[in-house]
Amino acid sequence: MLLPRKSSERGFADHGWLKSWHSFSFAGYFDPRFMGYRQLRVINQDIIAPGQGFPMHSHADMEIITVILRGTIEHQDSMGNKELVKAGEIQRMSAGTGVRHSEFNPSNQEELELLQIWIEPAQRGIEPGYEQATVQTVDGEKLRLLVAPLKEEAPVHIHQNVRIYRGELKKGETLELPLQAERYGWLQMISGTLEARDCTVAAGDGLAIAREPGLPVKAAADDTAFLLFDLA
């Protein structure tokens, strides 16, 4: 089963300093058809103006992953972490029993664009944690693992049986998505256009995938990039 989620149908909020598109119900946006997908609860595409950001606020019992698309984010939290996360890097914060954090765009000139992802943890009440890594790119590599469960080899890890990959294809290139028959997937487009059987998805679109082992996809444009969520 394949179910497209078109970019134009997402929720949208314009706060002046922040423009945010919501793939799933979030804050003041509510769509009963899209409350999340399996363990995946939030995918927000955020564009943050120079010198602006989210002041200190609290979270609990959520795995929060930030993928930087362009620019740099300045992260600070109640665990004592103060880091810069740049495009090409990935950040994971396990909120667990509770954590406070802020996220700002430190640039005075450049916008910051990111994907903020929330995944429900397998267990509540865990100790909060933070992890950050550079994602090494390899020439010709079509798909690379970004996030995996604890004890598996990956740039960063989460407390859930979920894996996140980043795919990059040139026009005409094909790829078989590494999904098993009993698993589910969510494909979130970053750029370009991708064909998956009778579905075509473009930048900002999502695609829910249910019980489609080894789903073949093909890039219909250059610089096609996406995230693939392998969900229990």
C-alpha atoms as a PDB file:
ATOM      1  CA  MET A   1       0.000   0.000   0.000  1.00  0.00           C
ATOM      2  CA  LEU A   2       1.255   3.458  -0.959  1.00  0.00           C
ATOM      3  CA  LEU A   3      -0.445   6.633   0.271  1.00  0.00           C
ATOM      4  CA  PRO A   4       0.925  10.007  -0.896  1.00  0.00           C
ATOM      5  CA  ARG A   5       0.889  13.044   1.394  1.00  0.00           C
ATOM      6  CA  LYS A   6       1.185  16.086  -0.863  1.00  0.00           C
ATOM      7  CA  SER A   7       3.257  19.061   0.266  1.00  0.00           C
ATOM      8  CA  SER A   8       0.420  21.478  -0.561  1.00  0.00           C
ATOM      9  CA  GLU A   9      -1.887  19.627   1.859  1.00  0.00           C
ATOM     10  CA  ARG A  10       0.429  19.965   4.869  1.00  0.00           C
ATOM     11  CA  GLY A  11      -0.324  22.299   7.730  1.00  0.00           C
ATOM     12  CA  PHE A  12       1.429  25.676   7.541  1.00  0.00           C
ATOM     13  CA  ALA A  13       2.251  28.328  10.117  1.00  0.00           C
ATOM     14  CA  ASP A  14       3.870  31.697   9.406  1.00  0.00           C
ATOM     15  CA  HIS A  15       5.178  33.393  12.548  1.00  0.00           C
ATOM     16  CA  GLY A  16       7.246  35.942  10.647  1.00  0.00           C
ATOM     17  CA  TRP A  17      10.608  34.699  11.940  1.00  0.00           C
ATOM     18  CA  LEU A  18       9.510  31.078  11.440  1.00  0.00           C
ATOM     19  CA  LYS A  19       7.803  29.396   8.511  1.00  0.00           C
ATOM     20  CA  SER A  20       6.818  25.814   9.328  1.00  0.00           C
ATOM     21  CA  TRP A  21       5.147  23.057   7.311  1.00  0.00           C
ATOM     22  CA  HIS A  22       3.626  20.138   9.257  1.00  0.00           C
ATOM     23  CA  SER A  23       3.316  16.690   7.686  1.00  0.00           C
ATOM     24  CA  PHE A  24       1.293  15.562  10.723  1.00  0.00           C
ATOM     25  CA  SER A  25      -1.026  17.272  13.196  1.00  0.00           C
ATOM     26  CA  PHE A  26       1.029  19.677  15.305  1.00  0.00           C
ATOM     27  CA  ALA A  27       0.341  22.617  17.647  1.00  0.00           C
ATOM     28  CA  GLY A  28      -2.643  24.525  16.179  1.00  0.00           C
ATOM     29  CA  TYR A  29      -2.846  22.337  13.063  1.00  0.00           C
ATOM     30  CA  PHE A  30      -5.110  19.282  13.299  1.00  0.00           C
ATOM     31  CA  ASP A  31      -5.867  16.687  10.634  1.00  0.00           C
ATOM     32  CA  PRO A  32      -7.411  13.429  11.946  1.00  0.00           C
ATOM     33  CA  ARG A  33      -6.127  11.591   8.848  1.00  0.00           C
ATOM     34  CA  PHE A  34      -2.515  12.451   9.677  1.00  0.00           C
ATOM     35  CA  MET A  35      -1.843  12.210  13.406  1.00  0.00           C
ATOM     36  CA  GLY A  36       1.475  10.495  12.756  1.00  0.00           C
ATOM     37  CA  TYR A  37       2.488   7.193  11.218  1.00  0.00           C
ATOM     38  CA  ARG A  38       3.411   4.209  13.371  1.00  0.00           C
ATOM     39  CA  GLN A  39       6.122   5.471  15.788  1.00  0.00           C
ATOM     40  CA  LEU A  40       6.664   8.618  13.707  1.00  0.00           C
ATOM     41  CA  ARG A  41       4.850  11.551  15.313  1.00  0.00           C
ATOM     42  CA  VAL A  42       6.225  14.788  13.800  1.00  0.00           C
ATOM     43  CA  ILE A  43       7.959  15.913  10.615  1.00  0.00           C
ATOM     44  CA  ASN A  44       8.180  19.699  10.485  1.00  0.00           C
ATOM     45  CA  GLN A  45      10.026  21.547   7.740  1.00  0.00           C
ATOM     46  CA  ASP A  46      11.154  24.789   9.384  1.00  0.00           C
ATOM     47  CA  ILE A  47      12.747  27.903   7.886  1.00  0.00           C
ATOM     48  CA  ILE A  48      14.139  30.177  10.615  1.00  0.00           C
ATOM     49  CA  ALA A  49      15.111  33.790   9.946  1.00  0.00           C
ATOM     50  CA  PRO A  50      18.623  35.076  10.766  1.00  0.00           C
ATOM     51  CA  GLY A  51      19.172  35.700  14.477  1.00  0.00           C
ATOM     52  CA  GLN A  52      15.880  34.035  15.449  1.00  0.00           C
ATOM     53  CA  GLY A  53      14.904  30.746  17.056  1.00  0.00           C
ATOM     54  CA  PHE A  54      13.113  28.804  19.766  1.00  0.00           C
ATOM     55  CA  PRO A  55      13.815  29.975  23.356  1.00  0.00           C
ATOM     56  CA  MET A  56      14.186  27.512  26.228  1.00  0.00           C
ATOM     57  CA  HIS A  57      11.218  25.137  26.428  1.00  0.00           C
ATOM     58  CA  SER A  58      10.501  21.665  27.800  1.00  0.00           C
ATOM     59  CA  HIS A  59       9.956  18.194  26.335  1.00  0.00           C
ATOM     60  CA  ALA A  60       9.534  14.722  27.810  1.00  0.00           C
ATOM     61  CA  ASP A  61       9.325  11.153  26.511  1.00  0.00           C
ATOM     62  CA  MET A  62      10.175  11.852  22.888  1.00  0.00           C
ATOM     63  CA  GLU A  63      13.113  11.129  20.580  1.00  0.00           C
ATOM     64  CA  ILE A  64      13.786  14.452  18.810  1.00  0.00           C
ATOM     65  CA  ILE A  65      15.943  14.390  15.682  1.00  0.00           C
ATOM     66  CA  THR A  66      17.070  17.426  13.708  1.00  0.00           C
ATOM     67  CA  VAL A  67      18.362  17.165  10.142  1.00  0.00           C
ATOM     68  CA  ILE A  68      19.947  20.416   8.939  1.00  0.00           C
ATOM     69  CA  LEU A  69      19.250  21.129   5.257  1.00  0.00           C
ATOM     70  CA  ARG A  70      21.040  24.493   5.047  1.00  0.00           C
ATOM     71  CA  GLY A  71      22.630  26.822   7.548  1.00  0.00           C
ATOM     72  CA  THR A  72      23.655  26.198  11.163  1.00  0.00           C
ATOM     73  CA  ILE A  73      21.694  25.764  14.383  1.00  0.00           C
ATOM     74  CA  GLU A  74      22.903  26.709  17.858  1.00  0.00           C
ATOM     75  CA  HIS A  75      21.689  24.177  20.419  1.00  0.00           C
ATOM     76  CA  GLN A  76      21.711  24.563  24.197  1.00  0.00           C
ATOM     77  CA  ASP A  77      20.042  22.310  26.778  1.00  0.00           C
ATOM     78  CA  SER A  78      19.606  21.652  30.495  1.00  0.00           C
ATOM     79  CA  MET A  79      22.002  18.670  30.264  1.00  0.00           C
ATOM     80  CA  GLY A  80      24.858  21.120  29.736  1.00  0.00           C
ATOM     81  CA  ASN A  81      25.242  20.719  25.987  1.00  0.00           C
ATOM     82  CA  LYS A  82      25.983  23.797  23.892  1.00  0.00           C
ATOM     83  CA  GLU A  83      26.717  22.916  20.278  1.00  0.00           C
ATOM     84  CA  LEU A  84      26.600  24.178  16.720  1.00  0.00           C
ATOM     85  CA  VAL A  85      24.999  21.753  14.257  1.00  0.00           C
ATOM     86  CA  LYS A  86      25.685  22.407  10.574  1.00  0.00           C
ATOM     87  CA  ALA A  87      24.300  21.168   7.265  1.00  0.00           C
ATOM     88  CA  GLY A  88      25.599  17.630   6.800  1.00  0.00           C
ATOM     89  CA  GLU A  89      25.262  16.900  10.518  1.00  0.00           C
ATOM     90  CA  ILE A  90      22.474  15.266  12.510  1.00  0.00           C
ATOM     91  CA  GLN A  91      21.358  15.813  16.084  1.00  0.00           C
ATOM     92  CA  ARG A  92      19.404  13.558  18.436  1.00  0.00           C
ATOM     93  CA  MET A  93      17.969  14.521  21.810  1.00  0.00           C
ATOM     94  CA  SER A  94      16.174  11.972  23.985  1.00  0.00           C
ATOM     95  CA  ALA A  95      13.833  14.001  26.181  1.00  0.00           C
ATOM     96  CA  GLY A  96      13.080  11.104  28.531  1.00  0.00           C
ATOM     97  CA  THR A  97      12.131  12.203  32.055  1.00  0.00           C
ATOM     98  CA  GLY A  98      12.338  15.831  30.939  1.00  0.00           C
ATOM     99  CA  VAL A  99      14.732  18.277  29.327  1.00  0.00           C
ATOM    100  CA  ARG A 100      14.787  21.973  28.464  1.00  0.00           C
ATOM    101  CA  HIS A 101      16.452  23.240  25.306  1.00  0.00           C
ATOM    102  CA  SER A 102      16.741  26.177  22.909  1.00  0.00           C
ATOM    103  CA  GLU A 103      17.486  26.195  19.178  1.00  0.00           C
ATOM    104  CA  PHE A 104      18.622  29.375  17.394  1.00  0.00           C
ATOM    105  CA  ASN A 105      19.923  30.486  14.035  1.00  0.00           C
ATOM    106  CA  PRO A 106      23.228  32.196  14.947  1.00  0.00           C
ATOM    107  CA  SER A 107      23.697  33.768  11.504  1.00  0.00           C
ATOM    108  CA  ASN A 108      22.947  37.443  10.990  1.00  0.00           C
ATOM    109  CA  GLN A 109      22.435  36.960   7.245  1.00  0.00           C
ATOM    110  CA  GLU A 110      21.491  33.408   6.285  1.00  0.00           C
ATOM    111  CA  GLU A 111      18.244  31.537   6.822  1.00  0.00           C
ATOM    112  CA  LEU A 112      18.295  28.169   8.571  1.00  0.00           C
ATOM    113  CA  GLU A 113      16.279  25.280   7.097  1.00  0.00           C
ATOM    114  CA  LEU A 114      15.790  21.987   8.886  1.00  0.00           C
ATOM    115  CA  LEU A 115      13.576  18.972   9.354  1.00  0.00           C
ATOM    116  CA  GLN A 116      12.460  18.460  12.944  1.00  0.00           C
ATOM    117  CA  ILE A 117      11.438  14.868  13.605  1.00  0.00           C
ATOM    118  CA  TRP A 118       9.760  13.366  16.665  1.00  0.00           C
ATOM    119  CA  ILE A 119       9.663   9.607  17.240  1.00  0.00           C
ATOM    120  CA  GLU A 120       7.855   8.008  20.168  1.00  0.00           C
ATOM    121  CA  PRO A 121      10.317   6.017  22.322  1.00  0.00           C
ATOM    122  CA  ALA A 122       9.881   2.333  23.101  1.00  0.00           C
ATOM    123  CA  GLN A 123      10.072   3.115  26.818  1.00  0.00           C
ATOM    124  CA  ARG A 124       9.001   6.136  28.819  1.00  0.00           C
ATOM    125  CA  GLY A 125      10.922   7.678  31.680  1.00  0.00           C
ATOM    126  CA  ILE A 126      14.429   7.043  30.354  1.00  0.00           C
ATOM    127  CA  GLU A 127      17.396   9.249  31.241  1.00  0.00           C
ATOM    128  CA  PRO A 128      17.661  12.235  28.865  1.00  0.00           C
ATOM    129  CA  GLY A 129      20.526  12.119  26.375  1.00  0.00           C
ATOM    130  CA  TYR A 130      22.145  13.993  23.498  1.00  0.00           C
ATOM    131  CA  GLU A 131      24.067  12.846  20.421  1.00  0.00           C
ATOM    132  CA  GLN A 132      25.417  14.656  17.374  1.00  0.00           C
ATOM    133  CA  ALA A 133      27.348  13.375  14.352  1.00  0.00           C
ATOM    134  CA  THR A 134      28.664  14.330  10.951  1.00  0.00           C
ATOM    135  CA  VAL A 135      27.169  12.190   8.197  1.00  0.00           C
ATOM    136  CA  GLN A 136      30.002  11.122   5.926  1.00  0.00           C
ATOM    137  CA  THR A 137      29.142  11.244   2.242  1.00  0.00           C
ATOM    138  CA  VAL A 138      30.545   8.703  -0.170  1.00  0.00           C
ATOM    139  CA  ASP A 139      30.640   9.352  -3.924  1.00  0.00           C
ATOM    140  CA  GLY A 140      28.064   7.236  -5.708  1.00  0.00           C
ATOM    141  CA  GLU A 141      26.342   6.124  -2.506  1.00  0.00           C
ATOM    142  CA  LYS A 142      22.577   6.189  -3.082  1.00  0.00           C
ATOM    143  CA  LEU A 143      21.376   5.463   0.448  1.00  0.00           C
ATOM    144  CA  ARG A 144      23.095   5.897   3.808  1.00  0.00           C
ATOM    145  CA  LEU A 145      21.986   5.146   7.338  1.00  0.00           C
ATOM    146  CA  LEU A 146      21.590   8.156   9.648  1.00  0.00           C
ATOM    147  CA  VAL A 147      19.766   6.771  12.691  1.00  0.00           C
ATOM    148  CA  ALA A 148      19.364   3.275  14.132  1.00  0.00           C
ATOM    149  CA  PRO A 149      18.324   1.568  17.377  1.00  0.00           C
ATOM    150  CA  LEU A 150      20.788   1.377  20.247  1.00  0.00           C
ATOM    151  CA  LYS A 151      23.772  -0.986  19.792  1.00  0.00           C
ATOM    152  CA  GLU A 152      23.514  -0.907  15.987  1.00  0.00           C
ATOM    153  CA  GLU A 153      26.225   0.829  13.984  1.00  0.00           C
ATOM    154  CA  ALA A 154      24.973   4.257  12.891  1.00  0.00           C
ATOM    155  CA  PRO A 155      25.895   7.953  13.210  1.00  0.00           C
ATOM    156  CA  VAL A 156      23.278   8.469  15.962  1.00  0.00           C
ATOM    157  CA  HIS A 157      20.945   6.189  17.907  1.00  0.00           C
ATOM    158  CA  ILE A 158      17.407   6.265  19.314  1.00  0.00           C
ATOM    159  CA  HIS A 159      15.430   4.309  21.900  1.00  0.00           C
ATOM    160  CA  GLN A 160      13.092   2.749  19.332  1.00  0.00           C
ATOM    161  CA  ASN A 161      13.088   0.054  16.653  1.00  0.00           C
ATOM    162  CA  VAL A 162      13.288   2.624  13.849  1.00  0.00           C
ATOM    163  CA  ARG A 163      15.923   3.425  11.235  1.00  0.00           C
ATOM    164  CA  ILE A 164      16.270   6.588   9.178  1.00  0.00           C
ATOM    165  CA  TYR A 165      18.140   6.728   5.871  1.00  0.00           C
ATOM    166  CA  ARG A 166      18.998   9.586   3.538  1.00  0.00           C
ATOM    167  CA  GLY A 167      18.716   8.822  -0.181  1.00  0.00           C
ATOM    168  CA  GLU A 168      20.286  10.801  -3.029  1.00  0.00           C
ATOM    169  CA  LEU A 169      19.697   9.932  -6.677  1.00  0.00           C
ATOM    170  CA  LYS A 170      20.461  11.481 -10.032  1.00  0.00           C
ATOM    171  CA  LYS A 171      17.895  11.533 -12.824  1.00  0.00           C
ATOM    172  CA  GLY A 172      17.178   8.022 -14.102  1.00  0.00           C
ATOM    173  CA  GLU A 173      18.866   6.255 -11.191  1.00  0.00           C
ATOM    174  CA  THR A 174      16.928   3.535  -9.386  1.00  0.00           C
ATOM    175  CA  LEU A 175      17.008   2.108  -5.881  1.00  0.00           C
ATOM    176  CA  GLU A 176      15.264  -0.689  -4.009  1.00  0.00           C
ATOM    177  CA  LEU A 177      14.162   0.546  -0.599  1.00  0.00           C
ATOM    178  CA  PRO A 178      15.401  -1.765   2.206  1.00  0.00           C
ATOM    179  CA  LEU A 179      11.986  -2.482   3.724  1.00  0.00           C
ATOM    180  CA  GLN A 180      10.912  -5.914   4.956  1.00  0.00           C
ATOM    181  CA  ALA A 181       7.450  -7.408   4.498  1.00  0.00           C
ATOM    182  CA  GLU A 182       6.444  -6.957   8.151  1.00  0.00           C
ATOM    183  CA  ARG A 183       7.750  -3.370   8.352  1.00  0.00           C
ATOM    184  CA  TYR A 184       6.307   0.011   7.401  1.00  0.00           C
ATOM    185  CA  GLY A 185       7.930   3.009   5.776  1.00  0.00           C
ATOM    186  CA  TRP A 186       7.542   6.735   5.410  1.00  0.00           C
ATOM    187  CA  LEU A 187       9.364   8.544   2.620  1.00  0.00           C
ATOM    188  CA  GLN A 188       9.842  12.307   3.063  1.00  0.00           C
ATOM    189  CA  MET A 189      11.006  14.198  -0.013  1.00  0.00           C
ATOM    190  CA  ILE A 190      13.678  16.893   0.327  1.00  0.00           C
ATOM    191  CA  SER A 191      14.256  17.806  -3.320  1.00  0.00           C
ATOM    192  CA  GLY A 192      13.673  16.518  -6.860  1.00  0.00           C
ATOM    193  CA  THR A 193      11.040  14.005  -7.946  1.00  0.00           C
ATOM    194  CA  LEU A 194      10.736  10.303  -7.233  1.00  0.00           C
ATOM    195  CA  GLU A 195       8.576   7.630  -8.864  1.00  0.00           C
ATOM    196  CA  ALA A 196       7.362   4.672  -6.810  1.00  0.00           C
ATOM    197  CA  ARG A 197       5.183   2.428  -8.938  1.00  0.00           C
ATOM    198  CA  ASP A 198       2.117   4.545  -9.822  1.00  0.00           C
ATOM    199  CA  CYS A 199       2.976   7.319  -7.332  1.00  0.00           C
ATOM    200  CA  THR A 200       5.092  10.397  -8.052  1.00  0.00           C
ATOM    201  CA  VAL A 201       6.317  12.474  -5.129  1.00  0.00           C
ATOM    202  CA  ALA A 202       8.184  15.801  -5.216  1.00  0.00           C
ATOM    203  CA  ALA A 203       9.861  18.176  -2.752  1.00  0.00           C
ATOM    204  CA  GLY A 204       7.917  18.400   0.509  1.00  0.00           C
ATOM    205  CA  ASP A 205       5.701  15.400  -0.281  1.00  0.00           C
ATOM    206  CA  GLY A 206       5.482  12.336   1.939  1.00  0.00           C
ATOM    207  CA  LEU A 207       4.650   8.738   1.078  1.00  0.00           C
ATOM    208  CA  ALA A 208       3.264   6.208   3.561  1.00  0.00           C
ATOM    209  CA  ILE A 209       4.397   2.665   2.736  1.00  0.00           C
ATOM    210  CA  ALA A 210       2.768  -0.439   4.212  1.00  0.00           C
ATOM    211  CA  ARG A 211       4.026  -3.987   3.651  1.00  0.00           C
ATOM    212  CA  GLU A 212       5.913  -3.283   0.439  1.00  0.00           C
ATOM    213  CA  PRO A 213       9.174  -5.256   0.742  1.00  0.00           C
ATOM    214  CA  GLY A 214      11.961  -4.089  -1.556  1.00  0.00           C
ATOM    215  CA  LEU A 215       9.933  -1.247  -3.088  1.00  0.00           C
ATOM    216  CA  PRO A 216      11.711   0.034  -6.253  1.00  0.00           C
ATOM    217  CA  VAL A 217      11.944   3.808  -6.786  1.00  0.00           C
ATOM    218  CA  LYS A 218      13.337   5.916  -9.636  1.00  0.00           C
ATOM    219  CA  ALA A 219      14.505   9.534  -9.743  1.00  0.00           C
ATOM    220  CA  ALA A 220      12.671  11.619 -12.342  1.00  0.00           C
ATOM    221  CA  ALA A 221      14.923  14.654 -11.806  1.00  0.00           C
ATOM    222  CA  ASP A 222      18.507  15.453 -10.893  1.00  0.00           C
ATOM    223  CA  ASP A 223      19.418  16.130  -7.263  1.00  0.00           C
ATOM    224  CA  THR A 224      16.585  14.014  -5.890  1.00  0.00           C
ATOM    225  CA  ALA A 225      16.993  13.650  -2.131  1.00  0.00           C
ATOM    226  CA  PHE A 226      14.737  12.140   0.529  1.00  0.00           C
ATOM    227  CA  LEU A 227      14.566  10.603   3.987  1.00  0.00           C
ATOM    228  CA  LEU A 228      13.335   7.033   4.411  1.00  0.00           C
ATOM    229  CA  PHE A 229      11.895   5.941   7.777  1.00  0.00           C
ATOM    230  CA  ASP A 230      11.929   2.169   8.402  1.00  0.00           C
ATOM    231  CA  LEU A 231       9.232   1.686  11.049  1.00  0.00           C
ATOM    232  CA  ALA A 232       8.129  -1.247  13.192  1.00  0.00           C
END
